[in-house]
Amino acid sequence: MRPADYDFWLFDLDGTLIDVDWSYTREVFDDVGAILGREFTDREAHIIWNGLTGKRDDQLRAWGIDPAEFWPAFHSIENPEVRAERTFLHPDAEFVGELDAPVGLVTHCQQFLTDPVIDHLDIRDWFDTIVCCTDDTGWKPDPDPVYRALADMDVEYRRVASDGGVGSVADGVLAGDGSCDVGAAWNAGLDAIHVERHGHEKRGHCVMGDYRVSTFEDLWEQVDSGTASD
């Protein structure tokens, strides 16, 4: 399907539409490391911040770090106002504000950080709903936060049925930079756009998707050339 033909769009936030200055990320992991008594290399900070290897909790456990200790320390360090000031919008993402269709945001970024960031960037009016994942909503690739966003948007959608079939009247897509975003899209019966902003060599593997691009500008070029992923 051509992107222009989608009836609705969902997006991840961090790494997809926006990013933060590396110096901020480095400072956060220095402070978290001081709390936990463990230093984080640049590579480790990139992996956790960007979710390069998949589920962050699984990666933390592989390093011998208890997620129940890491995340409270991580969130205690983050300053919403400072993070907002050091966050930037990817220029190729500006098309989102021009979409003539329902648009939702489904992000692992927590509400206390998401709100000041999107307000600082003045993009709140791009979205008909904003779902910040929690233990209650579920976490991507679980489709439940996607379903919540679609319910908020009041769209008819192609939901995966218990028998493996799908039932809906509309076609939608979820775009994100992580494998969890692609998984959430496919688990909910949506198409998936994977935006690889870090490079496969840094991630260590390729992430599949109905479209696989480095920027959203590549998406439109792919459509024009007919080279979308099979």
C-alpha atoms as a PDB file:
ATOM      1  CA  MET A   1       0.000   0.000   0.000  1.00  0.00           C
ATOM      2  CA  ARG A   2       1.211   3.522  -0.753  1.00  0.00           C
ATOM      3  CA  PRO A   3       1.678   5.644   2.401  1.00  0.00           C
ATOM      4  CA  ALA A   4      -0.648   8.300   1.023  1.00  0.00           C
ATOM      5  CA  ASP A   5      -3.435   5.703   1.042  1.00  0.00           C
ATOM      6  CA  TYR A   6      -3.268   4.821   4.746  1.00  0.00           C
ATOM      7  CA  ASP A   7      -6.424   5.695   6.664  1.00  0.00           C
ATOM      8  CA  PHE A   8      -4.509   6.418   9.886  1.00  0.00           C
ATOM      9  CA  TRP A   9      -0.947   6.621  11.196  1.00  0.00           C
ATOM     10  CA  LEU A  10       0.764   5.775  14.474  1.00  0.00           C
ATOM     11  CA  PHE A  11       4.296   6.781  15.434  1.00  0.00           C
ATOM     12  CA  ASP A  12       6.901   6.006  18.031  1.00  0.00           C
ATOM     13  CA  LEU A  13       8.554   9.135  19.468  1.00  0.00           C
ATOM     14  CA  ASP A  14      12.220   8.829  20.553  1.00  0.00           C
ATOM     15  CA  GLY A  15      14.519   7.859  17.716  1.00  0.00           C
ATOM     16  CA  THR A  16      11.668   8.078  15.221  1.00  0.00           C
ATOM     17  CA  LEU A  17      10.420  11.660  15.249  1.00  0.00           C
ATOM     18  CA  ILE A  18      12.867  13.167  17.730  1.00  0.00           C
ATOM     19  CA  ASP A  19      16.256  12.607  19.308  1.00  0.00           C
ATOM     20  CA  VAL A  20      18.292  14.113  22.114  1.00  0.00           C
ATOM     21  CA  ASP A  21      21.795  15.553  22.083  1.00  0.00           C
ATOM     22  CA  TRP A  22      24.332  12.811  22.806  1.00  0.00           C
ATOM     23  CA  SER A  23      25.897  14.901  25.590  1.00  0.00           C
ATOM     24  CA  TYR A  24      22.629  14.674  27.522  1.00  0.00           C
ATOM     25  CA  THR A  25      22.502  10.894  27.163  1.00  0.00           C
ATOM     26  CA  ARG A  26      26.105  10.594  28.308  1.00  0.00           C
ATOM     27  CA  GLU A  27      25.449  12.747  31.377  1.00  0.00           C
ATOM     28  CA  VAL A  28      22.383  10.684  32.336  1.00  0.00           C
ATOM     29  CA  PHE A  29      24.283   7.411  32.170  1.00  0.00           C
ATOM     30  CA  ASP A  30      27.201   8.879  34.119  1.00  0.00           C
ATOM     31  CA  ASP A  31      24.799   9.827  36.907  1.00  0.00           C
ATOM     32  CA  VAL A  32      22.924   6.514  36.792  1.00  0.00           C
ATOM     33  CA  GLY A  33      26.237   4.677  36.895  1.00  0.00           C
ATOM     34  CA  ALA A  34      27.236   6.635  39.996  1.00  0.00           C
ATOM     35  CA  ILE A  35      24.016   5.543  41.728  1.00  0.00           C
ATOM     36  CA  LEU A  36      24.373   1.896  40.724  1.00  0.00           C
ATOM     37  CA  GLY A  37      28.131   1.732  41.261  1.00  0.00           C
ATOM     38  CA  ARG A  38      28.736   0.710  37.678  1.00  0.00           C
ATOM     39  CA  GLU A  39      30.155   2.655  34.740  1.00  0.00           C
ATOM     40  CA  PHE A  40      28.407   2.560  31.361  1.00  0.00           C
ATOM     41  CA  THR A  41      30.444   2.695  28.173  1.00  0.00           C
ATOM     42  CA  ASP A  42      29.306   4.873  25.270  1.00  0.00           C
ATOM     43  CA  ARG A  43      28.250   1.713  23.462  1.00  0.00           C
ATOM     44  CA  GLU A  44      26.160   0.507  26.409  1.00  0.00           C
ATOM     45  CA  ALA A  45      24.523   3.921  26.778  1.00  0.00           C
ATOM     46  CA  HIS A  46      23.607   3.931  23.086  1.00  0.00           C
ATOM     47  CA  ILE A  47      22.187   0.403  23.321  1.00  0.00           C
ATOM     48  CA  ILE A  48      19.887   1.146  26.246  1.00  0.00           C
ATOM     49  CA  TRP A  49      18.876   4.656  25.195  1.00  0.00           C
ATOM     50  CA  ASN A  50      17.974   3.560  21.666  1.00  0.00           C
ATOM     51  CA  GLY A  51      16.865  -0.013  22.426  1.00  0.00           C
ATOM     52  CA  LEU A  52      19.261  -1.303  19.806  1.00  0.00           C
ATOM     53  CA  THR A  53      19.195  -4.935  20.892  1.00  0.00           C
ATOM     54  CA  GLY A  54      15.462  -5.229  21.488  1.00  0.00           C
ATOM     55  CA  LYS A  55      13.905  -5.341  24.946  1.00  0.00           C
ATOM     56  CA  ARG A  56      15.918  -3.123  27.250  1.00  0.00           C
ATOM     57  CA  ASP A  57      15.163  -5.162  30.367  1.00  0.00           C
ATOM     58  CA  ASP A  58      16.550  -8.292  28.720  1.00  0.00           C
ATOM     59  CA  GLN A  59      19.737  -6.429  27.834  1.00  0.00           C
ATOM     60  CA  LEU A  60      20.118  -5.056  31.353  1.00  0.00           C
ATOM     61  CA  ARG A  61      19.753  -8.545  32.818  1.00  0.00           C
ATOM     62  CA  ALA A  62      22.351  -9.855  30.360  1.00  0.00           C
ATOM     63  CA  TRP A  63      24.756  -7.299  31.833  1.00  0.00           C
ATOM     64  CA  GLY A  64      23.851  -8.361  35.370  1.00  0.00           C
ATOM     65  CA  ILE A  65      21.790  -5.242  36.103  1.00  0.00           C
ATOM     66  CA  ASP A  66      18.406  -5.548  37.803  1.00  0.00           C
ATOM     67  CA  PRO A  67      15.853  -3.498  35.800  1.00  0.00           C
ATOM     68  CA  ALA A  68      13.983  -2.863  39.060  1.00  0.00           C
ATOM     69  CA  GLU A  69      17.039  -0.949  40.272  1.00  0.00           C
ATOM     70  CA  PHE A  70      18.033   0.616  36.969  1.00  0.00           C
ATOM     71  CA  TRP A  71      14.792   2.322  35.955  1.00  0.00           C
ATOM     72  CA  PRO A  72      14.054   4.141  39.242  1.00  0.00           C
ATOM     73  CA  ALA A  73      17.624   5.443  39.166  1.00  0.00           C
ATOM     74  CA  PHE A  74      17.289   6.413  35.512  1.00  0.00           C
ATOM     75  CA  HIS A  75      14.040   8.318  36.005  1.00  0.00           C
ATOM     76  CA  SER A  76      15.287  10.018  39.158  1.00  0.00           C
ATOM     77  CA  ILE A  77      18.123  11.546  37.139  1.00  0.00           C
ATOM     78  CA  GLU A  78      16.134  12.777  34.170  1.00  0.00           C
ATOM     79  CA  ASN A  79      15.060  16.419  34.313  1.00  0.00           C
ATOM     80  CA  PRO A  80      12.046  16.963  32.026  1.00  0.00           C
ATOM     81  CA  GLU A  81      12.802  20.613  31.300  1.00  0.00           C
ATOM     82  CA  VAL A  82      16.481  19.989  30.552  1.00  0.00           C
ATOM     83  CA  ARG A  83      15.671  17.025  28.368  1.00  0.00           C
ATOM     84  CA  ALA A  84      13.108  19.053  26.445  1.00  0.00           C
ATOM     85  CA  GLU A  85      15.624  21.825  25.813  1.00  0.00           C
ATOM     86  CA  ARG A  86      18.161  19.344  24.458  1.00  0.00           C
ATOM     87  CA  THR A  87      15.721  17.433  22.253  1.00  0.00           C
ATOM     88  CA  PHE A  88      15.433  18.098  18.524  1.00  0.00           C
ATOM     89  CA  LEU A  89      12.943  17.163  15.839  1.00  0.00           C
ATOM     90  CA  HIS A  90      14.230  15.241  12.845  1.00  0.00           C
ATOM     91  CA  PRO A  91      13.593  17.484   9.809  1.00  0.00           C
ATOM     92  CA  ASP A  92      12.281  14.558   7.765  1.00  0.00           C
ATOM     93  CA  ALA A  93       9.559  14.009  10.379  1.00  0.00           C
ATOM     94  CA  GLU A  94       7.871  17.340   9.714  1.00  0.00           C
ATOM     95  CA  PHE A  95       5.496  15.666   7.236  1.00  0.00           C
ATOM     96  CA  VAL A  96       3.613  14.228  10.229  1.00  0.00           C
ATOM     97  CA  GLY A  97       2.115  17.627  10.948  1.00  0.00           C
ATOM     98  CA  GLU A  98       0.718  17.738   7.411  1.00  0.00           C
ATOM     99  CA  LEU A  99      -0.965  14.326   7.351  1.00  0.00           C
ATOM    100  CA  ASP A 100      -4.643  14.501   6.459  1.00  0.00           C
ATOM    101  CA  ALA A 101      -5.627  11.475   8.545  1.00  0.00           C
ATOM    102  CA  PRO A 102      -5.934  10.502  12.218  1.00  0.00           C
ATOM    103  CA  VAL A 103      -2.468  10.415  13.804  1.00  0.00           C
ATOM    104  CA  GLY A 104      -1.469   8.867  17.119  1.00  0.00           C
ATOM    105  CA  LEU A 105       1.673   8.542  19.211  1.00  0.00           C
ATOM    106  CA  VAL A 106       2.550   5.306  21.046  1.00  0.00           C
ATOM    107  CA  THR A 107       5.767   5.707  23.006  1.00  0.00           C
ATOM    108  CA  HIS A 108       7.781   4.073  25.760  1.00  0.00           C
ATOM    109  CA  CYS A 109       8.806   7.573  26.851  1.00  0.00           C
ATOM    110  CA  GLN A 110       7.037   8.294  30.120  1.00  0.00           C
ATOM    111  CA  GLN A 111       4.369  10.967  30.450  1.00  0.00           C
ATOM    112  CA  PHE A 112       6.442  13.266  32.672  1.00  0.00           C
ATOM    113  CA  LEU A 113       9.063  13.435  29.906  1.00  0.00           C
ATOM    114  CA  THR A 114       6.824  13.232  26.846  1.00  0.00           C
ATOM    115  CA  ASP A 115       4.660  16.223  27.754  1.00  0.00           C
ATOM    116  CA  PRO A 116       7.436  18.838  28.123  1.00  0.00           C
ATOM    117  CA  VAL A 117       9.275  17.506  25.065  1.00  0.00           C
ATOM    118  CA  ILE A 118       6.349  17.715  22.658  1.00  0.00           C
ATOM    119  CA  ASP A 119       5.296  21.078  24.087  1.00  0.00           C
ATOM    120  CA  HIS A 120       8.833  22.462  23.716  1.00  0.00           C
ATOM    121  CA  LEU A 121       8.888  21.293  20.087  1.00  0.00           C
ATOM    122  CA  ASP A 122       5.333  22.598  19.572  1.00  0.00           C
ATOM    123  CA  ILE A 123       4.066  19.372  17.997  1.00  0.00           C
ATOM    124  CA  ARG A 124       1.233  18.410  20.345  1.00  0.00           C
ATOM    125  CA  ASP A 125      -1.388  19.377  17.784  1.00  0.00           C
ATOM    126  CA  TRP A 126       0.045  16.815  15.360  1.00  0.00           C
ATOM    127  CA  PHE A 127      -1.537  13.999  17.360  1.00  0.00           C
ATOM    128  CA  ASP A 128      -5.108  12.964  17.986  1.00  0.00           C
ATOM    129  CA  THR A 129      -3.937  10.796  20.890  1.00  0.00           C
ATOM    130  CA  ILE A 130      -0.747  10.207  22.859  1.00  0.00           C
ATOM    131  CA  VAL A 131      -0.284   6.865  24.620  1.00  0.00           C
ATOM    132  CA  CYS A 132       2.686   6.547  26.966  1.00  0.00           C
ATOM    133  CA  CYS A 133       3.269   2.869  27.691  1.00  0.00           C
ATOM    134  CA  THR A 134       3.114   1.641  31.285  1.00  0.00           C
ATOM    135  CA  ASP A 135       2.686  -1.689  33.018  1.00  0.00           C
ATOM    136  CA  ASP A 136      -1.061  -1.041  32.854  1.00  0.00           C
ATOM    137  CA  THR A 137      -1.195  -0.284  29.126  1.00  0.00           C
ATOM    138  CA  GLY A 138       1.399  -2.870  28.152  1.00  0.00           C
ATOM    139  CA  TRP A 139       4.698  -2.357  26.342  1.00  0.00           C
ATOM    140  CA  LYS A 140       5.424  -2.705  22.648  1.00  0.00           C
ATOM    141  CA  PRO A 141       5.559  -5.248  20.965  1.00  0.00           C
ATOM    142  CA  ASP A 142       2.383  -5.984  22.950  1.00  0.00           C
ATOM    143  CA  PRO A 143      -0.431  -4.630  20.739  1.00  0.00           C
ATOM    144  CA  ASP A 144      -2.541  -3.397  23.665  1.00  0.00           C
ATOM    145  CA  PRO A 145      -1.121   0.171  23.739  1.00  0.00           C
ATOM    146  CA  VAL A 146      -1.694   0.296  19.974  1.00  0.00           C
ATOM    147  CA  TYR A 147      -5.300  -0.799  20.474  1.00  0.00           C
ATOM    148  CA  ARG A 148      -5.717   1.903  23.121  1.00  0.00           C
ATOM    149  CA  ALA A 149      -4.463   4.573  20.721  1.00  0.00           C
ATOM    150  CA  LEU A 150      -6.782   3.374  17.973  1.00  0.00           C
ATOM    151  CA  ALA A 151      -9.744   3.386  20.346  1.00  0.00           C
ATOM    152  CA  ASP A 152      -8.891   6.965  21.320  1.00  0.00           C
ATOM    153  CA  MET A 153      -8.744   7.888  17.620  1.00  0.00           C
ATOM    154  CA  ASP A 154     -12.088   6.184  17.027  1.00  0.00           C
ATOM    155  CA  VAL A 155     -10.966   4.478  13.832  1.00  0.00           C
ATOM    156  CA  GLU A 156     -12.083   1.212  12.312  1.00  0.00           C
ATOM    157  CA  TYR A 157      -8.988  -0.931  12.162  1.00  0.00           C
ATOM    158  CA  ARG A 158      -7.633  -4.298  11.120  1.00  0.00           C
ATOM    159  CA  ARG A 159      -7.371  -6.060  14.459  1.00  0.00           C
ATOM    160  CA  VAL A 160      -5.863  -9.517  14.680  1.00  0.00           C
ATOM    161  CA  ALA A 161      -8.552 -12.009  15.702  1.00  0.00           C
ATOM    162  CA  SER A 162      -8.082 -14.967  18.031  1.00  0.00           C
ATOM    163  CA  ASP A 163      -8.355 -17.354  15.076  1.00  0.00           C
ATOM    164  CA  GLY A 164      -5.451 -15.633  13.339  1.00  0.00           C
ATOM    165  CA  GLY A 165      -7.656 -13.729  10.927  1.00  0.00           C
ATOM    166  CA  VAL A 166      -8.269 -10.001  10.879  1.00  0.00           C
ATOM    167  CA  GLY A 167     -11.386  -7.946  10.789  1.00  0.00           C
ATOM    168  CA  SER A 168     -11.722  -4.257   9.973  1.00  0.00           C
ATOM    169  CA  VAL A 169     -12.472  -1.798   7.203  1.00  0.00           C
ATOM    170  CA  ALA A 170      -9.458   0.531   7.400  1.00  0.00           C
ATOM    171  CA  ASP A 171      -5.726   0.246   6.789  1.00  0.00           C
ATOM    172  CA  GLY A 172      -3.161   1.800   9.084  1.00  0.00           C
ATOM    173  CA  VAL A 173       0.547   1.885   9.739  1.00  0.00           C
ATOM    174  CA  LEU A 174       2.882   2.264  12.707  1.00  0.00           C
ATOM    175  CA  ALA A 175       6.331   3.798  12.183  1.00  0.00           C
ATOM    176  CA  GLY A 176       9.168   3.359  14.652  1.00  0.00           C
ATOM    177  CA  ASP A 177      12.896   2.876  15.010  1.00  0.00           C
ATOM    178  CA  GLY A 178      12.835  -0.355  17.032  1.00  0.00           C
ATOM    179  CA  SER A 179      11.952  -3.991  16.518  1.00  0.00           C
ATOM    180  CA  CYS A 180       9.349  -3.574  19.260  1.00  0.00           C
ATOM    181  CA  ASP A 181       7.555  -1.007  17.084  1.00  0.00           C
ATOM    182  CA  VAL A 182       7.441  -3.368  14.114  1.00  0.00           C
ATOM    183  CA  GLY A 183       6.270  -6.163  16.418  1.00  0.00           C
ATOM    184  CA  ALA A 184       3.520  -4.001  17.895  1.00  0.00           C
ATOM    185  CA  ALA A 185       2.342  -3.025  14.425  1.00  0.00           C
ATOM    186  CA  TRP A 186       2.214  -6.575  13.105  1.00  0.00           C
ATOM    187  CA  ASN A 187       0.710  -7.947  16.319  1.00  0.00           C
ATOM    188  CA  ALA A 188      -2.105  -5.415  15.938  1.00  0.00           C
ATOM    189  CA  GLY A 189      -2.604  -6.191  12.242  1.00  0.00           C
ATOM    190  CA  LEU A 190      -1.072  -2.934  10.970  1.00  0.00           C
ATOM    191  CA  ASP A 191       1.662  -2.309   8.442  1.00  0.00           C
ATOM    192  CA  ALA A 192       5.059  -1.368   9.850  1.00  0.00           C
ATOM    193  CA  ILE A 193       7.660   1.202   8.829  1.00  0.00           C
ATOM    194  CA  HIS A 194      11.106   0.676  10.365  1.00  0.00           C
ATOM    195  CA  VAL A 195      13.228   3.835  10.484  1.00  0.00           C
ATOM    196  CA  GLU A 196      16.858   2.784  10.933  1.00  0.00           C
ATOM    197  CA  ARG A 197      18.571   5.965  12.103  1.00  0.00           C
ATOM    198  CA  HIS A 198      21.544   4.200  13.715  1.00  0.00           C
ATOM    199  CA  GLY A 199      22.721   1.787  11.041  1.00  0.00           C
ATOM    200  CA  HIS A 200      22.590  -1.998  11.012  1.00  0.00           C
ATOM    201  CA  GLU A 201      26.232  -2.223  12.050  1.00  0.00           C
ATOM    202  CA  LYS A 202      25.501  -0.447  15.354  1.00  0.00           C
ATOM    203  CA  ARG A 203      22.347  -2.437  15.973  1.00  0.00           C
ATOM    204  CA  GLY A 204      24.060  -5.714  15.126  1.00  0.00           C
ATOM    205  CA  HIS A 205      21.120  -7.023  13.133  1.00  0.00           C
ATOM    206  CA  CYS A 206      18.532  -5.972  10.573  1.00  0.00           C
ATOM    207  CA  VAL A 207      14.946  -5.180  11.509  1.00  0.00           C
ATOM    208  CA  MET A 208      12.279  -6.140   9.015  1.00  0.00           C
ATOM    209  CA  GLY A 209       9.248  -4.058   8.113  1.00  0.00           C
ATOM    210  CA  ASP A 210       6.791  -3.429   5.323  1.00  0.00           C
ATOM    211  CA  TYR A 211       8.996  -0.427   4.639  1.00  0.00           C
ATOM    212  CA  ARG A 212      12.640  -0.154   5.771  1.00  0.00           C
ATOM    213  CA  VAL A 213      14.148   3.317   5.536  1.00  0.00           C
ATOM    214  CA  SER A 214      16.882   5.494   7.020  1.00  0.00           C
ATOM    215  CA  THR A 215      14.705   8.622   6.995  1.00  0.00           C
ATOM    216  CA  PHE A 216      11.123   9.381   6.091  1.00  0.00           C
ATOM    217  CA  GLU A 217      12.418  11.054   2.949  1.00  0.00           C
ATOM    218  CA  ASP A 218      13.592   7.586   1.886  1.00  0.00           C
ATOM    219  CA  LEU A 219      10.045   6.319   2.424  1.00  0.00           C
ATOM    220  CA  TRP A 220       8.624   8.473  -0.321  1.00  0.00           C
ATOM    221  CA  GLU A 221      11.544   7.630  -2.609  1.00  0.00           C
ATOM    222  CA  GLN A 222      10.942   3.923  -1.960  1.00  0.00           C
ATOM    223  CA  VAL A 223       7.289   4.289  -2.828  1.00  0.00           C
ATOM    224  CA  ASP A 224       8.066   6.171  -6.039  1.00  0.00           C
ATOM    225  CA  SER A 225      10.606   3.550  -7.088  1.00  0.00           C
ATOM    226  CA  GLY A 226       8.472   0.580  -6.025  1.00  0.00           C
ATOM    227  CA  THR A 227      11.135  -0.892  -3.712  1.00  0.00           C
ATOM    228  CA  ALA A 228       9.162  -1.377  -0.499  1.00  0.00           C
ATOM    229  CA  SER A 229      10.109  -4.429   1.584  1.00  0.00           C
ATOM    230  CA  ASP A 230       8.316  -7.632   0.759  1.00  0.00           C
END
